[in-house]
Amino acid sequence: MNRPQQVPEPLTSGEVAHMLRVTPVTVARWADTGKLTSFRTLGGHRRFHRAEVEALLVPETVRTTSPGTG
């Protein structure tokens, strides 16, 4: 029997701000400028995908260095 795949809960602006150690205003600005992708709830609140936010926690040098290039 197939189990339904669990989809991670989206993050609020406050949760993202806490994870990235910035203010919720900064999170909103990043969403407005495209640094972060957000979507809105029916009530108009922003939500963010956990995987995208967690990717920002990885240092830039790790994200841009390909294997074998040092």
N, C-alpha and C. Protein backbone atom coordinates (compact mmCIF):
# COMPACT_ATOMS: atom_id res chain seq x y z
N MET A 1 0.84 -1.18 0.00
CA MET A 1 0.00 0.00 0.00
C MET A 1 0.89 1.25 0.00
N ASN A 2 0.55 2.20 -0.82
CA ASN A 2 1.33 3.44 -0.91
C ASN A 2 0.92 4.38 0.20
N ARG A 3 1.91 4.94 0.85
CA ARG A 3 1.64 5.95 1.88
C ARG A 3 1.65 7.32 1.22
N PRO A 4 0.78 8.20 1.67
CA PRO A 4 0.82 9.56 1.11
C PRO A 4 2.14 10.23 1.47
N GLN A 5 2.72 10.91 0.50
CA GLN A 5 3.99 11.60 0.73
C GLN A 5 3.74 12.84 1.57
N GLN A 6 4.56 13.00 2.61
CA GLN A 6 4.39 14.16 3.48
C GLN A 6 5.05 15.38 2.84
N VAL A 7 4.31 16.44 2.79
CA VAL A 7 4.82 17.71 2.27
C VAL A 7 5.18 18.57 3.47
N PRO A 8 6.41 19.12 3.48
CA PRO A 8 6.80 19.95 4.63
C PRO A 8 5.89 21.17 4.76
N GLU A 9 5.60 21.50 6.00
CA GLU A 9 4.79 22.68 6.27
C GLU A 9 5.53 23.93 5.81
N PRO A 10 4.83 24.86 5.19
CA PRO A 10 5.49 26.11 4.82
C PRO A 10 5.84 26.92 6.06
N LEU A 11 6.83 27.79 5.92
CA LEU A 11 7.31 28.61 7.02
C LEU A 11 6.69 30.00 6.96
N THR A 12 6.47 30.59 8.12
CA THR A 12 5.99 31.96 8.20
C THR A 12 7.18 32.92 8.08
N SER A 13 6.88 34.18 7.88
CA SER A 13 7.94 35.20 7.82
C SER A 13 8.73 35.23 9.13
N GLY A 14 8.05 35.10 10.24
CA GLY A 14 8.72 35.09 11.53
C GLY A 14 9.66 33.91 11.70
N GLU A 15 9.22 32.74 11.24
CA GLU A 15 10.06 31.55 11.33
C GLU A 15 11.30 31.69 10.45
N VAL A 16 11.10 32.22 9.25
CA VAL A 16 12.23 32.44 8.34
C VAL A 16 13.20 33.44 8.95
N ALA A 17 12.67 34.52 9.49
CA ALA A 17 13.52 35.54 10.11
C ALA A 17 14.35 34.93 11.24
N HIS A 18 13.73 34.10 12.05
CA HIS A 18 14.44 33.46 13.16
C HIS A 18 15.55 32.55 12.64
N MET A 19 15.26 31.76 11.62
CA MET A 19 16.25 30.83 11.06
C MET A 19 17.44 31.57 10.47
N LEU A 20 17.17 32.70 9.79
CA LEU A 20 18.22 33.43 9.09
C LEU A 20 18.81 34.57 9.92
N ARG A 21 18.27 34.75 11.12
CA ARG A 21 18.75 35.79 12.03
C ARG A 21 18.66 37.19 11.43
N VAL A 22 17.49 37.46 10.86
CA VAL A 22 17.17 38.77 10.32
C VAL A 22 15.79 39.15 10.84
N THR A 23 15.33 40.34 10.51
CA THR A 23 14.00 40.75 10.94
C THR A 23 12.95 40.29 9.92
N PRO A 24 11.69 40.18 10.35
CA PRO A 24 10.63 39.86 9.40
C PRO A 24 10.51 40.88 8.26
N VAL A 25 10.86 42.12 8.54
CA VAL A 25 10.85 43.15 7.49
C VAL A 25 11.88 42.81 6.41
N THR A 26 13.04 42.33 6.81
CA THR A 26 14.06 41.92 5.85
C THR A 26 13.57 40.74 5.02
N VAL A 27 12.90 39.79 5.66
CA VAL A 27 12.35 38.64 4.94
C VAL A 27 11.35 39.12 3.89
N ALA A 28 10.48 40.04 4.25
CA ALA A 28 9.50 40.58 3.30
C ALA A 28 10.20 41.30 2.15
N ARG A 29 11.24 42.05 2.46
CA ARG A 29 11.99 42.76 1.42
C ARG A 29 12.64 41.76 0.46
N TRP A 30 13.23 40.70 1.01
CA TRP A 30 13.84 39.68 0.16
C TRP A 30 12.80 39.01 -0.73
N ALA A 31 11.61 38.81 -0.21
CA ALA A 31 10.54 38.22 -1.03
C ALA A 31 10.13 39.19 -2.13
N ASP A 32 10.05 40.48 -1.80
CA ASP A 32 9.67 41.49 -2.79
C ASP A 32 10.70 41.61 -3.91
N THR A 33 11.97 41.43 -3.57
CA THR A 33 13.04 41.58 -4.57
C THR A 33 13.41 40.27 -5.26
N GLY A 34 12.81 39.16 -4.82
CA GLY A 34 13.07 37.88 -5.47
C GLY A 34 14.19 37.06 -4.87
N LYS A 35 14.80 37.52 -3.80
CA LYS A 35 15.86 36.72 -3.16
C LYS A 35 15.26 35.46 -2.54
N LEU A 36 14.03 35.56 -2.07
CA LEU A 36 13.28 34.42 -1.54
C LEU A 36 11.97 34.31 -2.31
N THR A 37 11.55 33.09 -2.56
CA THR A 37 10.26 32.86 -3.21
C THR A 37 9.21 32.67 -2.12
N SER A 38 8.11 33.37 -2.26
CA SER A 38 7.03 33.21 -1.29
C SER A 38 5.72 33.01 -2.02
N PHE A 39 4.76 32.52 -1.29
CA PHE A 39 3.39 32.46 -1.80
C PHE A 39 2.51 32.97 -0.68
N ARG A 40 1.27 33.25 -1.00
CA ARG A 40 0.38 33.84 0.00
C ARG A 40 -0.76 32.88 0.35
N THR A 41 -1.14 32.93 1.61
CA THR A 41 -2.28 32.16 2.08
C THR A 41 -3.55 32.87 1.62
N LEU A 42 -4.69 32.23 1.84
CA LEU A 42 -5.96 32.88 1.49
C LEU A 42 -6.15 34.18 2.26
N GLY A 43 -5.55 34.26 3.44
CA GLY A 43 -5.64 35.47 4.25
C GLY A 43 -4.62 36.53 3.87
N GLY A 44 -3.75 36.23 2.88
CA GLY A 44 -2.78 37.21 2.40
C GLY A 44 -1.42 37.16 3.09
N HIS A 45 -1.21 36.18 3.95
CA HIS A 45 0.07 36.07 4.66
C HIS A 45 1.09 35.33 3.80
N ARG A 46 2.33 35.78 3.88
CA ARG A 46 3.40 35.13 3.11
C ARG A 46 3.78 33.81 3.77
N ARG A 47 4.13 32.86 2.91
CA ARG A 47 4.68 31.59 3.37
C ARG A 47 5.86 31.25 2.48
N PHE A 48 6.81 30.49 3.04
CA PHE A 48 8.06 30.19 2.36
C PHE A 48 8.32 28.69 2.40
N HIS A 49 9.01 28.19 1.37
CA HIS A 49 9.36 26.78 1.32
C HIS A 49 10.60 26.53 2.17
N ARG A 50 10.51 25.55 3.05
CA ARG A 50 11.60 25.24 3.98
C ARG A 50 12.92 24.95 3.25
N ALA A 51 12.87 24.17 2.17
CA ALA A 51 14.10 23.79 1.47
C ALA A 51 14.84 25.01 0.93
N GLU A 52 14.11 25.99 0.43
CA GLU A 52 14.76 27.19 -0.09
C GLU A 52 15.42 27.99 1.03
N VAL A 53 14.74 28.09 2.15
CA VAL A 53 15.30 28.83 3.29
C VAL A 53 16.53 28.10 3.83
N GLU A 54 16.44 26.79 3.96
CA GLU A 54 17.58 26.02 4.46
C GLU A 54 18.77 26.11 3.52
N ALA A 55 18.52 26.26 2.22
CA ALA A 55 19.63 26.41 1.26
C ALA A 55 20.40 27.70 1.53
N LEU A 56 19.73 28.72 2.04
CA LEU A 56 20.41 29.98 2.35
C LEU A 56 21.31 29.84 3.58
N LEU A 57 21.09 28.81 4.37
CA LEU A 57 21.92 28.60 5.55
C LEU A 57 23.27 28.00 5.21
N VAL A 58 23.41 27.46 4.00
CA VAL A 58 24.67 26.88 3.54
C VAL A 58 25.57 28.01 3.06
N PRO A 59 26.82 28.08 3.53
CA PRO A 59 27.71 29.17 3.10
C PRO A 59 27.83 29.23 1.57
N GLU A 60 27.92 30.43 1.05
CA GLU A 60 27.99 30.66 -0.40
C GLU A 60 29.11 29.86 -1.06
N THR A 61 30.26 29.75 -0.42
CA THR A 61 31.38 29.03 -1.04
C THR A 61 31.05 27.55 -1.20
N VAL A 62 30.27 26.99 -0.31
CA VAL A 62 29.90 25.58 -0.41
C VAL A 62 28.89 25.39 -1.53
N ARG A 63 27.96 26.34 -1.70
CA ARG A 63 26.93 26.22 -2.72
C ARG A 63 27.48 26.41 -4.12
N THR A 64 28.53 27.20 -4.30
CA THR A 64 29.00 27.53 -5.64
C THR A 64 30.22 26.74 -6.08
N THR A 65 30.86 26.03 -5.16
CA THR A 65 32.04 25.26 -5.52
C THR A 65 31.62 23.89 -6.01
N SER A 66 32.03 23.54 -7.22
CA SER A 66 31.68 22.22 -7.74
C SER A 66 32.68 21.19 -7.25
N PRO A 67 32.28 19.93 -7.19
CA PRO A 67 33.19 18.89 -6.70
C PRO A 67 34.47 18.81 -7.53
N GLY A 68 35.57 18.63 -6.85
CA GLY A 68 36.84 18.47 -7.53
C GLY A 68 37.56 19.75 -7.88
N THR A 69 36.94 20.92 -7.63
CA THR A 69 37.61 22.17 -7.97
C THR A 69 38.26 22.81 -6.76
N GLY A 70 38.06 22.21 -5.59
CA GLY A 70 38.72 22.71 -4.40
C GLY A 70 37.99 23.77 -3.77
